[in-house]
């Protein structure tokens, strides 16, 4: 099972690497010539990890709750989603956490890919 988690994490890390550099428009240009706001998808990384933390703390699964409690106590690090995926890929996450986490990350990233990235579906 650990190999499956590592392979899935590797695929999600590749997808996130591709998606995170893309821009999305939050508005359109107006008659005054001022363009809309554009963000990169990696600007949502903290939101994604926050969603995962919240869901993990409410999961009722002791190992998952403990993992996310410890994660919240740790100092903030840059690129937390990338770090989680790398930890899963390198088998540094408890297996129960990886099994719980990866389907949620996969669903989230596939949704971003469908909305913002042609050629990333599948």
N, C-alpha and C. Protein backbone atom coordinates (compact mmCIF):
# COMPACT_ATOMS: atom_id res chain seq x y z
N UNK A 1 0.82 -1.20 0.00
CA UNK A 1 0.00 0.00 0.00
C UNK A 1 0.87 1.26 0.00
N UNK A 2 2.03 1.20 0.67
CA UNK A 2 2.89 2.37 0.73
C UNK A 2 3.39 2.76 -0.66
N UNK A 3 3.68 1.76 -1.51
CA UNK A 3 4.11 2.07 -2.88
C UNK A 3 3.02 2.79 -3.65
N UNK A 4 1.78 2.37 -3.45
CA UNK A 4 0.64 3.02 -4.11
C UNK A 4 0.52 4.47 -3.66
N UNK A 5 0.68 4.71 -2.38
CA UNK A 5 0.61 6.07 -1.84
C UNK A 5 1.74 6.91 -2.43
N UNK A 6 2.94 6.36 -2.47
CA UNK A 6 4.09 7.10 -3.02
C UNK A 6 3.87 7.43 -4.50
N UNK A 7 3.35 6.48 -5.26
CA UNK A 7 3.10 6.72 -6.69
C UNK A 7 2.02 7.77 -6.89
N UNK A 8 0.95 7.69 -6.12
CA UNK A 8 -0.13 8.67 -6.23
C UNK A 8 0.36 10.06 -5.81
N UNK A 9 1.16 10.10 -4.75
CA UNK A 9 1.70 11.38 -4.30
C UNK A 9 2.61 11.98 -5.37
N UNK A 10 3.41 11.15 -6.03
CA UNK A 10 4.27 11.62 -7.10
C UNK A 10 3.44 12.20 -8.24
N UNK A 11 2.36 11.53 -8.61
CA UNK A 11 1.47 12.03 -9.67
C UNK A 11 0.82 13.35 -9.26
N UNK A 12 0.41 13.47 -8.00
CA UNK A 12 -0.22 14.71 -7.53
C UNK A 12 0.81 15.85 -7.44
N UNK A 13 2.04 15.52 -7.08
CA UNK A 13 3.09 16.54 -7.04
C UNK A 13 3.38 17.06 -8.45
N UNK A 14 3.40 16.17 -9.41
CA UNK A 14 3.61 16.60 -10.81
C UNK A 14 2.46 17.47 -11.28
N UNK A 15 1.24 17.06 -10.96
CA UNK A 15 0.07 17.85 -11.35
C UNK A 15 0.10 19.22 -10.68
N UNK A 16 0.39 19.25 -9.38
CA UNK A 16 0.44 20.53 -8.67
C UNK A 16 1.55 21.42 -9.23
N UNK A 17 2.69 20.85 -9.56
CA UNK A 17 3.79 21.63 -10.14
C UNK A 17 3.35 22.29 -11.44
N UNK A 18 2.59 21.57 -12.23
CA UNK A 18 2.09 22.11 -13.49
C UNK A 18 1.02 23.17 -13.26
N UNK A 19 0.10 22.88 -12.37
CA UNK A 19 -1.03 23.80 -12.13
C UNK A 19 -0.62 25.06 -11.39
N UNK A 20 0.30 24.94 -10.46
CA UNK A 20 0.58 26.05 -9.55
C UNK A 20 1.13 27.28 -10.25
N UNK A 21 1.69 27.12 -11.41
CA UNK A 21 2.25 28.26 -12.13
C UNK A 21 1.24 28.94 -13.05
N UNK A 22 0.07 28.37 -13.20
CA UNK A 22 -0.93 28.95 -14.09
C UNK A 22 -1.60 30.14 -13.45
N UNK A 23 -2.05 31.05 -14.29
CA UNK A 23 -2.78 32.23 -13.83
C UNK A 23 -4.26 32.05 -14.07
N UNK A 24 -5.05 32.60 -13.16
CA UNK A 24 -6.50 32.64 -13.36
C UNK A 24 -6.94 34.09 -13.19
N UNK A 25 -7.89 34.49 -13.98
CA UNK A 25 -8.41 35.86 -13.91
C UNK A 25 -9.59 35.89 -12.96
N UNK A 26 -9.62 36.90 -12.13
CA UNK A 26 -10.74 37.07 -11.21
C UNK A 26 -11.67 38.19 -11.66
N UNK A 27 -11.39 38.77 -12.76
CA UNK A 27 -12.22 39.84 -13.30
C UNK A 27 -11.81 40.08 -14.74
N UNK A 28 -12.45 41.00 -15.36
CA UNK A 28 -12.07 41.31 -16.73
C UNK A 28 -11.78 42.79 -16.84
N UNK A 29 -11.17 43.16 -17.91
CA UNK A 29 -10.82 44.56 -18.12
C UNK A 29 -12.08 45.40 -18.25
N UNK A 30 -12.02 46.63 -17.79
CA UNK A 30 -13.15 47.53 -17.91
C UNK A 30 -12.83 48.61 -18.95
N UNK A 31 -13.76 49.48 -19.20
CA UNK A 31 -13.60 50.52 -20.21
C UNK A 31 -12.45 51.47 -19.90
N UNK A 32 -12.08 51.59 -18.62
CA UNK A 32 -10.98 52.49 -18.26
C UNK A 32 -9.62 51.91 -18.62
N UNK A 33 -9.59 50.66 -19.05
CA UNK A 33 -8.34 50.05 -19.47
C UNK A 33 -7.64 49.29 -18.37
N UNK A 34 -8.17 49.32 -17.15
CA UNK A 34 -7.56 48.58 -16.06
C UNK A 34 -7.99 47.13 -16.15
N UNK A 35 -7.02 46.26 -16.16
CA UNK A 35 -7.32 44.84 -16.25
C UNK A 35 -7.84 44.29 -14.95
N UNK A 36 -8.37 43.08 -15.02
CA UNK A 36 -8.85 42.42 -13.83
C UNK A 36 -7.70 41.87 -13.01
N UNK A 37 -8.02 41.29 -11.90
CA UNK A 37 -7.03 40.72 -11.01
C UNK A 37 -6.68 39.32 -11.51
N UNK A 38 -5.41 39.01 -11.53
CA UNK A 38 -4.96 37.69 -11.95
C UNK A 38 -4.12 37.09 -10.83
N UNK A 39 -4.42 35.86 -10.49
CA UNK A 39 -3.68 35.14 -9.46
C UNK A 39 -3.10 33.87 -10.04
N UNK A 40 -2.00 33.42 -9.44
CA UNK A 40 -1.50 32.10 -9.79
C UNK A 40 -2.19 31.11 -8.89
N UNK A 41 -2.36 29.89 -9.39
CA UNK A 41 -3.01 28.87 -8.57
C UNK A 41 -2.23 28.57 -7.30
N UNK A 42 -0.92 28.78 -7.30
CA UNK A 42 -0.19 28.52 -6.06
C UNK A 42 -0.55 29.51 -4.96
N UNK A 43 -1.25 30.61 -5.32
CA UNK A 43 -1.75 31.53 -4.30
C UNK A 43 -2.82 30.86 -3.43
N UNK A 44 -3.36 29.75 -3.89
CA UNK A 44 -4.40 29.03 -3.15
C UNK A 44 -3.83 27.88 -2.31
N UNK A 45 -2.52 27.73 -2.32
CA UNK A 45 -1.89 26.60 -1.62
C UNK A 45 -2.23 26.58 -0.13
N UNK A 46 -2.16 27.73 0.53
CA UNK A 46 -2.49 27.77 1.95
C UNK A 46 -3.95 27.44 2.19
N UNK A 47 -4.82 27.87 1.28
CA UNK A 47 -6.25 27.56 1.41
C UNK A 47 -6.48 26.05 1.28
N UNK A 48 -5.80 25.42 0.34
CA UNK A 48 -5.94 23.98 0.15
C UNK A 48 -5.48 23.24 1.40
N UNK A 49 -4.32 23.62 1.91
CA UNK A 49 -3.79 22.96 3.11
C UNK A 49 -4.69 23.26 4.32
N UNK A 50 -5.22 24.47 4.41
CA UNK A 50 -6.15 24.80 5.49
C UNK A 50 -7.40 23.93 5.44
N UNK A 51 -7.91 23.72 4.23
CA UNK A 51 -9.07 22.83 4.05
C UNK A 51 -8.72 21.41 4.51
N UNK A 52 -7.54 20.93 4.11
CA UNK A 52 -7.13 19.58 4.50
C UNK A 52 -6.96 19.47 6.01
N UNK A 53 -6.36 20.49 6.62
CA UNK A 53 -6.20 20.48 8.08
C UNK A 53 -7.55 20.43 8.78
N UNK A 54 -8.47 21.29 8.35
CA UNK A 54 -9.79 21.33 8.96
C UNK A 54 -10.51 19.99 8.82
N UNK A 55 -10.49 19.44 7.61
CA UNK A 55 -11.14 18.15 7.38
C UNK A 55 -10.46 17.05 8.19
N UNK A 56 -9.13 17.10 8.28
CA UNK A 56 -8.40 16.10 9.04
C UNK A 56 -8.72 16.15 10.53
N UNK A 57 -8.83 17.36 11.06
CA UNK A 57 -9.14 17.50 12.48
C UNK A 57 -10.56 17.06 12.80
N UNK A 58 -11.44 17.12 11.81
CA UNK A 58 -12.83 16.69 12.01
C UNK A 58 -13.07 15.25 11.57
N UNK A 59 -12.03 14.57 11.09
CA UNK A 59 -12.20 13.24 10.51
C UNK A 59 -12.59 12.16 11.52
N UNK A 60 -12.23 12.36 12.77
CA UNK A 60 -12.51 11.35 13.78
C UNK A 60 -11.52 10.19 13.74
N UNK A 61 -10.55 10.25 12.86
CA UNK A 61 -9.52 9.21 12.77
C UNK A 61 -8.32 9.64 13.61
N UNK A 62 -8.05 8.90 14.66
CA UNK A 62 -7.06 9.30 15.65
C UNK A 62 -5.72 9.67 15.03
N UNK A 63 -5.20 8.85 14.13
CA UNK A 63 -3.89 9.12 13.55
C UNK A 63 -3.91 10.37 12.67
N UNK A 64 -5.00 10.58 11.94
CA UNK A 64 -5.13 11.76 11.08
C UNK A 64 -5.26 13.02 11.93
N UNK A 65 -6.10 12.96 12.96
CA UNK A 65 -6.27 14.10 13.86
C UNK A 65 -4.93 14.44 14.52
N UNK A 66 -4.22 13.45 15.01
CA UNK A 66 -2.93 13.67 15.64
C UNK A 66 -1.92 14.29 14.68
N UNK A 67 -1.92 13.82 13.43
CA UNK A 67 -1.00 14.36 12.44
C UNK A 67 -1.28 15.84 12.20
N UNK A 68 -2.55 16.20 12.00
CA UNK A 68 -2.86 17.59 11.71
C UNK A 68 -2.73 18.49 12.93
N UNK A 69 -2.94 17.95 14.13
CA UNK A 69 -2.65 18.73 15.33
C UNK A 69 -1.16 19.05 15.39
N UNK A 70 -0.32 18.07 15.12
CA UNK A 70 1.13 18.30 15.13
C UNK A 70 1.53 19.27 14.02
N UNK A 71 0.89 19.16 12.87
CA UNK A 71 1.21 20.05 11.75
C UNK A 71 0.89 21.50 12.11
N UNK A 72 -0.22 21.70 12.80
CA UNK A 72 -0.58 23.06 13.21
C UNK A 72 0.39 23.62 14.24
N UNK A 73 0.96 22.76 15.07
CA UNK A 73 1.90 23.21 16.10
C UNK A 73 3.28 23.53 15.52
N UNK A 74 3.59 22.92 14.37
CA UNK A 74 4.89 23.14 13.74
C UNK A 74 4.93 24.53 13.13
N UNK A 75 6.12 25.05 12.97
CA UNK A 75 6.24 26.37 12.35
C UNK A 75 5.84 26.29 10.88
N UNK A 76 5.23 27.36 10.40
CA UNK A 76 4.80 27.41 9.00
C UNK A 76 6.01 27.30 8.09
N UNK A 77 5.88 26.49 7.08
CA UNK A 77 6.93 26.34 6.10
C UNK A 77 6.40 26.75 4.74
N UNK A 78 7.29 27.17 3.88
CA UNK A 78 6.90 27.54 2.53
C UNK A 78 6.41 26.29 1.79
N UNK A 79 5.49 26.50 0.90
CA UNK A 79 4.94 25.45 0.03
C UNK A 79 4.45 24.23 0.82
N UNK A 80 3.47 24.42 1.69
CA UNK A 80 3.03 23.32 2.54
C UNK A 80 2.39 22.15 1.77
N UNK A 81 1.70 22.43 0.67
CA UNK A 81 1.10 21.33 -0.09
C UNK A 81 2.19 20.50 -0.75
N UNK A 82 3.15 21.18 -1.34
CA UNK A 82 4.28 20.47 -1.95
C UNK A 82 4.99 19.62 -0.89
N UNK A 83 5.16 20.17 0.30
CA UNK A 83 5.84 19.43 1.38
C UNK A 83 5.04 18.19 1.78
N UNK A 84 3.71 18.33 1.91
CA UNK A 84 2.88 17.17 2.23
C UNK A 84 3.00 16.08 1.18
N UNK A 85 2.96 16.49 -0.09
CA UNK A 85 3.05 15.51 -1.18
C UNK A 85 4.43 14.86 -1.22
N UNK A 86 5.47 15.65 -0.99
CA UNK A 86 6.83 15.08 -0.96
C UNK A 86 6.96 14.10 0.21
N UNK A 87 6.39 14.46 1.37
CA UNK A 87 6.43 13.55 2.52
C UNK A 87 5.71 12.24 2.20
N UNK A 88 4.57 12.33 1.53
CA UNK A 88 3.83 11.12 1.15
C UNK A 88 4.63 10.30 0.14
N UNK A 89 5.24 10.97 -0.82
CA UNK A 89 6.01 10.30 -1.86
C UNK A 89 7.23 9.59 -1.27
N UNK A 90 7.85 10.21 -0.27
CA UNK A 90 9.04 9.64 0.36
C UNK A 90 8.69 8.74 1.54
N UNK A 91 7.39 8.45 1.70
CA UNK A 91 6.89 7.56 2.75
C UNK A 91 7.24 8.06 4.15
N UNK A 92 7.17 9.40 4.32
CA UNK A 92 7.42 10.01 5.63
C UNK A 92 6.11 10.31 6.36
N UNK A 93 4.97 10.01 5.75
CA UNK A 93 3.68 10.18 6.41
C UNK A 93 3.23 8.83 6.95
N UNK A 94 2.54 8.83 8.07
CA UNK A 94 1.93 7.57 8.50
C UNK A 94 0.99 7.07 7.39
N UNK A 95 0.97 5.77 7.19
CA UNK A 95 0.19 5.20 6.08
C UNK A 95 -1.28 5.60 6.16
N UNK A 96 -1.85 5.60 7.36
CA UNK A 96 -3.26 5.97 7.51
C UNK A 96 -3.50 7.41 7.07
N UNK A 97 -2.54 8.28 7.34
CA UNK A 97 -2.65 9.69 6.94
C UNK A 97 -2.58 9.79 5.42
N UNK A 98 -1.64 9.09 4.82
CA UNK A 98 -1.51 9.10 3.36
C UNK A 98 -2.76 8.58 2.68
N UNK A 99 -3.32 7.49 3.21
CA UNK A 99 -4.54 6.92 2.63
C UNK A 99 -5.72 7.87 2.75
N UNK A 100 -5.77 8.63 3.82
CA UNK A 100 -6.86 9.60 4.01
C UNK A 100 -6.62 10.85 3.17
N UNK A 101 -5.38 11.30 3.13
CA UNK A 101 -5.03 12.58 2.52
C UNK A 101 -5.08 12.57 0.99
N UNK A 102 -4.48 11.57 0.38
CA UNK A 102 -4.31 11.60 -1.08
C UNK A 102 -5.61 11.67 -1.88
N UNK A 103 -6.66 10.95 -1.51
CA UNK A 103 -7.89 11.10 -2.29
C UNK A 103 -8.44 12.53 -2.25
N UNK A 104 -8.28 13.19 -1.12
CA UNK A 104 -8.77 14.57 -1.01
C UNK A 104 -7.92 15.53 -1.85
N UNK A 105 -6.61 15.35 -1.81
CA UNK A 105 -5.72 16.17 -2.62
C UNK A 105 -6.00 15.91 -4.10
N UNK A 106 -6.15 14.66 -4.44
CA UNK A 106 -6.39 14.30 -5.84
C UNK A 106 -7.69 14.92 -6.36
N UNK A 107 -8.73 14.84 -5.58
CA UNK A 107 -10.03 15.43 -5.97
C UNK A 107 -9.90 16.94 -6.14
N UNK A 108 -9.20 17.58 -5.23
CA UNK A 108 -9.01 19.03 -5.28
C UNK A 108 -8.20 19.44 -6.50
N UNK A 109 -7.07 18.79 -6.73
CA UNK A 109 -6.21 19.16 -7.85
C UNK A 109 -6.84 18.82 -9.19
N UNK A 110 -7.54 17.71 -9.27
CA UNK A 110 -8.22 17.37 -10.53
C UNK A 110 -9.30 18.41 -10.83
N UNK A 111 -9.95 18.91 -9.80
CA UNK A 111 -10.95 19.95 -9.98
C UNK A 111 -10.31 21.22 -10.53
N UNK A 112 -9.17 21.63 -9.94
CA UNK A 112 -8.43 22.78 -10.46
C UNK A 112 -8.03 22.54 -11.91
N UNK A 113 -7.56 21.33 -12.21
CA UNK A 113 -7.11 21.02 -13.56
C UNK A 113 -8.26 21.12 -14.56
N UNK A 114 -9.42 20.63 -14.18
CA UNK A 114 -10.58 20.70 -15.07
C UNK A 114 -11.00 22.15 -15.32
N UNK A 115 -10.91 22.96 -14.30
CA UNK A 115 -11.33 24.35 -14.43
C UNK A 115 -10.28 25.25 -15.09
N UNK A 116 -9.02 24.96 -14.86
CA UNK A 116 -7.97 25.92 -15.25
C UNK A 116 -6.85 25.34 -16.09
N UNK A 117 -6.95 24.09 -16.49
CA UNK A 117 -5.80 23.55 -17.19
C UNK A 117 -6.12 22.51 -18.23
N UNK A 118 -6.26 22.87 -19.47
CA UNK A 118 -6.47 21.85 -20.49
C UNK A 118 -5.25 20.92 -20.55
N UNK A 119 -5.55 19.67 -20.82
CA UNK A 119 -4.48 18.70 -20.95
C UNK A 119 -4.05 18.09 -19.63
N UNK A 120 -4.64 18.49 -18.52
CA UNK A 120 -4.26 17.93 -17.21
C UNK A 120 -5.33 16.99 -16.66
N UNK A 121 -6.30 16.66 -17.44
CA UNK A 121 -7.36 15.77 -16.95
C UNK A 121 -6.89 14.34 -17.03
N UNK A 122 -7.58 13.50 -16.29
CA UNK A 122 -7.28 12.09 -16.45
C UNK A 122 -7.22 11.32 -15.20
